[in-house]
N, C-alpha and C. Protein backbone atom coordinates (compact mmCIF):
# COMPACT_ATOMS: atom_id res chain seq x y z
N MET A 1 92.82 114.71 104.14
CA MET A 1 92.82 113.41 104.21
C MET A 1 93.22 112.88 105.31
N LYS A 2 92.56 111.77 105.97
CA LYS A 2 93.06 111.07 107.09
C LYS A 2 93.69 110.03 106.88
N LEU A 3 95.09 109.61 107.40
CA LEU A 3 95.82 108.00 107.12
C LEU A 3 95.61 107.91 108.70
N GLN A 4 95.53 106.52 108.99
CA GLN A 4 95.75 105.89 110.17
C GLN A 4 96.54 104.60 109.94
N ILE A 5 97.39 104.55 110.76
CA ILE A 5 98.11 103.39 110.79
C ILE A 5 98.15 102.29 111.69
N LEU A 6 97.37 101.22 111.56
CA LEU A 6 96.93 100.50 112.96
C LEU A 6 97.90 99.30 113.08
N GLY A 7 98.37 99.17 114.10
CA GLY A 7 99.43 98.39 114.69
C GLY A 7 100.06 98.72 116.10
N THR A 8 100.70 97.45 116.61
CA THR A 8 101.09 97.70 117.87
C THR A 8 102.46 98.42 118.03
N GLY A 9 102.98 98.78 117.02
CA GLY A 9 104.46 99.21 116.89
C GLY A 9 105.60 98.45 116.43
N CYS A 10 105.09 97.42 115.93
CA CYS A 10 106.16 96.57 115.39
C CYS A 10 106.79 97.05 114.06
N ALA A 11 108.38 96.29 113.84
CA ALA A 11 108.71 96.73 112.55
C ALA A 11 107.89 96.80 111.45
N LYS A 12 107.20 95.87 111.07
CA LYS A 12 106.43 96.40 109.71
C LYS A 12 105.31 97.56 110.07
N CYS A 13 105.05 97.85 111.38
CA CYS A 13 103.87 98.84 111.08
C CYS A 13 104.81 100.17 111.15
N ASN A 14 106.18 100.03 111.13
CA ASN A 14 106.88 101.37 111.59
C ASN A 14 107.18 101.12 109.86
N ALA A 15 107.70 100.36 109.18
CA ALA A 15 107.85 100.36 107.82
C ALA A 15 106.66 101.09 107.06
N LEU A 16 105.42 100.21 107.15
CA LEU A 16 104.04 100.75 106.55
C LEU A 16 104.02 102.62 106.98
N THR A 17 104.18 102.84 107.97
CA THR A 17 104.14 104.32 108.39
C THR A 17 105.03 104.96 107.45
N MET A 18 106.55 104.64 107.41
CA MET A 18 107.28 105.51 106.40
C MET A 18 106.94 105.30 105.10
N ALA A 19 106.75 103.95 104.52
CA ALA A 19 106.16 104.27 103.16
C ALA A 19 104.87 104.73 102.81
N THR A 20 104.13 105.01 103.89
CA THR A 20 102.93 105.83 103.77
C THR A 20 102.93 107.33 103.45
N VAL A 21 104.01 107.81 104.56
CA VAL A 21 104.61 108.97 104.68
C VAL A 21 104.81 109.43 103.00
N LYS A 22 106.18 108.54 102.71
CA LYS A 22 106.57 108.65 101.56
C LYS A 22 105.76 108.74 100.47
N ALA A 23 105.00 108.03 100.33
CA ALA A 23 103.69 108.12 99.30
C ALA A 23 102.64 109.28 99.08
N ALA A 24 102.37 109.96 99.94
CA ALA A 24 101.60 111.03 100.41
C ALA A 24 102.71 112.35 100.00
N GLN A 25 103.80 112.29 100.35
CA GLN A 25 104.36 113.31 100.42
C GLN A 25 105.31 113.50 98.64
N THR A 26 105.15 112.19 98.06
CA THR A 26 105.62 112.61 96.82
C THR A 26 104.40 112.80 95.86
N LEU A 27 103.43 112.51 96.62
CA LEU A 27 101.54 112.79 95.70
C LEU A 27 101.51 114.33 95.65
N GLY A 28 102.12 114.60 97.02
CA GLY A 28 102.08 116.32 97.34
C GLY A 28 100.56 116.46 97.90
N LEU A 29 100.00 115.40 99.12
CA LEU A 29 98.82 115.28 99.33
C LEU A 29 98.69 116.23 100.80
N GLN A 30 98.21 116.74 101.01
CA GLN A 30 97.70 117.14 102.40
C GLN A 30 96.92 116.01 103.39
N TYR A 31 97.82 115.95 104.51
CA TYR A 31 97.08 114.75 105.39
C TYR A 31 97.47 114.70 106.80
N GLU A 32 96.82 114.56 107.63
CA GLU A 32 96.80 114.04 108.79
C GLU A 32 96.63 112.47 109.34
N LEU A 33 98.10 112.17 109.82
CA LEU A 33 98.58 110.67 110.13
C LEU A 33 98.36 110.58 111.59
N GLU A 34 97.83 109.32 111.66
CA GLU A 34 97.73 108.69 113.17
C GLU A 34 98.13 107.37 113.26
N LYS A 35 98.92 107.14 114.29
CA LYS A 35 99.08 106.08 114.80
C LYS A 35 97.76 105.34 115.55
N VAL A 36 97.43 103.80 115.45
CA VAL A 36 96.38 103.10 116.19
C VAL A 36 97.20 101.89 116.98
N THR A 37 97.18 102.23 118.19
CA THR A 37 97.97 101.15 118.73
C THR A 37 97.01 100.39 119.74
N ASP A 38 96.00 100.84 120.14
CA ASP A 38 95.03 100.24 121.02
C ASP A 38 94.02 98.99 120.23
N LEU A 39 94.50 98.05 120.65
CA LEU A 39 93.62 96.63 120.18
C LEU A 39 92.22 96.60 119.96
N ASN A 40 91.60 97.24 121.02
CA ASN A 40 90.29 97.56 120.64
C ASN A 40 89.84 98.57 119.78
N GLN A 41 90.54 99.54 119.44
CA GLN A 41 90.04 100.34 118.61
C GLN A 41 90.32 99.68 116.78
N ILE A 42 91.77 98.90 116.99
CA ILE A 42 92.09 98.35 115.76
C ILE A 42 91.08 97.27 115.14
N MET A 43 90.44 96.40 116.33
CA MET A 43 89.35 95.36 116.40
C MET A 43 88.08 96.17 115.52
N SER A 44 87.67 97.33 115.94
CA SER A 44 86.57 98.20 115.48
C SER A 44 87.00 98.34 114.10
N PHE A 45 87.78 98.49 113.38
CA PHE A 45 88.19 98.64 111.95
C PHE A 45 87.68 97.30 111.30
N GLY A 46 87.37 96.25 112.14
CA GLY A 46 87.52 94.90 111.63
C GLY A 46 88.97 94.33 110.89
N VAL A 47 89.44 94.87 111.49
CA VAL A 47 91.16 94.40 111.10
C VAL A 47 91.54 93.17 112.26
N MET A 48 92.12 91.91 111.43
CA MET A 48 92.38 90.87 112.62
C MET A 48 94.17 90.56 112.34
N MET A 49 94.53 91.54 111.11
CA MET A 49 95.81 91.11 111.02
C MET A 49 96.28 92.32 110.83
N THR A 50 97.88 93.04 111.59
CA THR A 50 98.31 93.95 111.35
C THR A 50 99.79 94.10 110.70
N PRO A 51 100.20 94.94 110.33
CA PRO A 51 100.02 96.47 110.02
C PRO A 51 98.64 96.69 108.97
N ALA A 52 97.68 97.67 109.24
CA ALA A 52 96.77 97.99 108.35
C ALA A 52 97.04 99.57 107.98
N LEU A 53 96.43 100.10 107.10
CA LEU A 53 96.36 101.13 106.39
C LEU A 53 94.80 101.61 105.81
N VAL A 54 94.44 102.69 106.74
CA VAL A 54 92.98 102.69 106.94
C VAL A 54 93.23 104.71 106.05
N VAL A 55 92.30 104.77 105.27
CA VAL A 55 92.28 106.08 104.60
C VAL A 55 91.13 106.76 104.78
N ASP A 56 91.00 107.60 105.53
CA ASP A 56 89.52 108.35 105.79
C ASP A 56 88.33 107.60 106.18
N GLY A 57 88.90 106.78 107.07
CA GLY A 57 87.66 105.87 107.40
C GLY A 57 87.55 104.43 106.77
N LYS A 58 88.23 104.24 105.64
CA LYS A 58 88.21 102.86 105.19
C LYS A 58 89.72 102.22 105.24
N VAL A 59 89.51 101.04 105.52
CA VAL A 59 90.76 99.67 105.44
C VAL A 59 90.96 99.80 103.96
N LYS A 60 92.37 100.12 103.78
CA LYS A 60 92.48 100.04 101.87
C LYS A 60 93.77 98.69 102.06
N VAL A 61 94.43 98.36 103.11
CA VAL A 61 95.16 97.26 103.14
C VAL A 61 95.51 96.63 104.69
N SER A 62 95.44 95.15 104.94
CA SER A 62 95.56 94.86 106.02
C SER A 62 96.71 93.48 106.08
N GLY A 63 97.40 93.15 107.30
CA GLY A 63 98.65 92.07 106.83
C GLY A 63 99.77 92.39 105.98
N LYS A 64 100.15 93.11 105.62
CA LYS A 64 101.29 93.33 104.75
C LYS A 64 101.47 94.84 104.49
N VAL A 65 102.86 95.01 104.12
CA VAL A 65 103.35 96.21 103.91
C VAL A 65 103.62 96.59 102.17
N PRO A 66 102.51 97.04 101.67
CA PRO A 66 102.42 97.58 100.31
C PRO A 66 103.52 98.26 100.11
N SER A 67 104.14 98.15 98.65
CA SER A 67 105.23 99.03 98.17
C SER A 67 104.86 100.58 98.32
N VAL A 68 105.52 101.77 98.06
CA VAL A 68 105.35 102.70 98.07
C VAL A 68 104.30 103.12 96.69
N ASP A 69 104.73 102.57 95.60
CA ASP A 69 104.08 102.79 94.08
C ASP A 69 102.37 102.15 94.55
N GLU A 70 102.43 101.19 95.24
CA GLU A 70 101.40 100.40 95.78
C GLU A 70 100.22 101.56 96.64
N ILE A 71 100.81 102.11 97.72
CA ILE A 71 100.52 103.19 98.62
C ILE A 71 99.95 104.12 97.58
N LYS A 72 100.83 104.65 96.83
CA LYS A 72 100.07 105.84 96.10
C LYS A 72 99.21 105.54 95.14
N THR A 73 98.89 104.48 94.75
CA THR A 73 97.61 104.03 94.01
C THR A 73 96.28 104.06 94.92
N LEU A 74 96.66 103.70 96.17
CA LEU A 74 95.71 103.77 97.21
C LEU A 74 95.10 105.10 97.47
N LEU A 75 96.19 105.74 97.54
CA LEU A 75 96.08 107.19 98.16
C LEU A 75 95.19 108.20 96.82
N ALA A 76 95.58 107.60 95.92
CA ALA A 76 95.19 108.71 94.55
C ALA A 76 93.90 108.51 94.14
């Protein structure tokens, strides 16, 4: 499973990264985590508000930091 965090490295982006890692580890998933900070790459996903979570190439959430439980639902 490929997880991508889209954002410029702000506090919300870091919070999303930590919550995503915790959710994936709680579920026992094997995953690859990539942080995408390049604005052109971020816009290529159609994302206008960061942070955003992309799972296997599909944008699952953008513009907010969901709870660990919400992320677990998105990953399951």
